[in-house]
C-alpha cells in the first residue's frame, strides 16, 4: 500500500512548477537556519555558564548541526527532483 502512495507522490512531484519548487525550498531552508542559530546560541550560553563543559557541549553541537543540515540538504534534493521535470 505504501509503495502505491510513494509512486503517486513521485508522479505528482514531477508536475510541480520549478518556481513553486524554489519557493518551497526557500521556505524549507528557514527551519534549518533557525535550528543552527539556536544550537550555537545554546553552546555559547552553556560555555559562558560553565566553561569546563565546552568540549562536551561542542561535541553535542556538531552532531546536532549535522542532523539539522541534513534536513536542508534533503530539501535541496527535493527541489532538484521537482524542478527537473
Protein backbone atom coordinates (compact mmCIF):
# COMPACT_ATOMS: atom_id res chain seq x y z
CA UNK A 1 0.00 0.00 0.00
CA UNK A 2 2.73 2.46 0.90
CA UNK A 3 4.56 1.79 -2.39
CA UNK A 4 1.47 2.92 -4.27
CA UNK A 5 1.31 6.12 -2.23
CA UNK A 6 5.03 6.81 -2.79
CA UNK A 7 4.64 6.22 -6.53
CA UNK A 8 1.71 8.63 -6.67
CA UNK A 9 3.69 11.24 -4.71
CA UNK A 10 6.68 10.88 -7.03
CA UNK A 11 4.41 11.23 -10.07
CA UNK A 12 2.80 14.35 -8.61
CA UNK A 13 6.19 15.86 -7.74
CA UNK A 14 7.16 15.71 -11.40
CA UNK A 15 4.40 18.15 -12.34
CA UNK A 16 5.36 20.93 -9.89
CA UNK A 17 6.25 24.30 -11.38
CA UNK A 18 10.01 24.99 -10.89
CA UNK A 19 9.24 28.44 -9.50
CA UNK A 20 6.94 26.92 -6.93
CA UNK A 21 9.64 24.37 -6.07
CA UNK A 22 12.11 27.21 -5.46
CA UNK A 23 9.68 28.97 -3.14
CA UNK A 24 9.11 25.69 -1.30
CA UNK A 25 12.83 25.15 -0.84
CA UNK A 26 13.27 28.72 0.36
CA UNK A 27 10.61 28.18 3.00
CA UNK A 28 12.11 24.80 3.85
CA UNK A 29 15.55 26.34 4.40
CA UNK A 30 14.23 28.68 7.09
CA UNK A 31 13.86 25.83 9.61
CA UNK A 32 17.46 24.60 9.43
CA UNK A 33 18.72 28.18 9.52
CA UNK A 34 16.84 28.88 12.73
CA UNK A 35 17.90 25.49 14.12
CA UNK A 36 21.59 26.16 13.56
CA UNK A 37 21.29 29.54 15.23
CA UNK A 38 19.58 28.02 18.27
CA UNK A 39 22.17 25.24 18.54
CA UNK A 40 25.17 27.56 18.59
CA UNK A 41 23.40 30.08 20.83
CA UNK A 42 22.89 27.29 23.35
CA UNK A 43 26.57 26.31 23.12
CA UNK A 44 27.68 29.88 23.71
CA UNK A 45 25.28 30.25 26.62
CA UNK A 46 26.35 26.93 28.16
CA UNK A 47 30.05 27.73 27.76
CA UNK A 48 29.55 31.12 29.39
CA UNK A 49 27.83 29.47 32.35
CA UNK A 50 30.20 26.51 32.70
CA UNK A 51 33.47 26.92 30.77
CA UNK A 52 34.85 23.48 31.71
CA UNK A 53 32.00 21.81 29.77
CA UNK A 54 32.96 23.47 26.48
CA UNK A 55 34.37 20.33 24.86
CA UNK A 56 31.34 18.21 25.64
CA UNK A 57 28.95 20.96 24.53
CA UNK A 58 30.75 21.41 21.23
CA UNK A 59 30.64 17.69 20.50
CA UNK A 60 26.90 17.61 21.03
CA UNK A 61 26.51 20.81 18.99
CA UNK A 62 28.39 19.41 15.98
CA UNK A 63 26.25 16.27 15.96
CA UNK A 64 23.08 18.38 16.16
CA UNK A 65 24.40 20.74 13.50
CA UNK A 66 24.97 17.84 11.09
CA UNK A 67 21.46 16.47 11.67
CA UNK A 68 19.89 19.88 11.04
CA UNK A 69 21.94 20.45 7.89
CA UNK A 70 20.90 17.06 6.53
CA UNK A 71 17.33 18.37 6.58
CA UNK A 72 18.41 21.33 4.45
CA UNK A 73 20.20 19.02 2.00
CA UNK A 74 17.13 16.80 1.72
CA UNK A 75 15.12 19.92 0.87
CA UNK A 76 17.67 20.82 -1.82
CA UNK A 77 17.45 17.34 -3.35
CA UNK A 78 13.65 17.52 -3.37
CA UNK A 79 13.90 20.92 -5.10
CA UNK A 80 16.09 19.47 -7.86
CA UNK A 81 13.79 16.49 -8.29
CA UNK A 82 10.74 18.75 -8.50
CA UNK A 83 12.33 21.24 -10.90
CA UNK A 84 13.82 18.61 -13.23
CA UNK A 85 10.51 17.92 -14.89
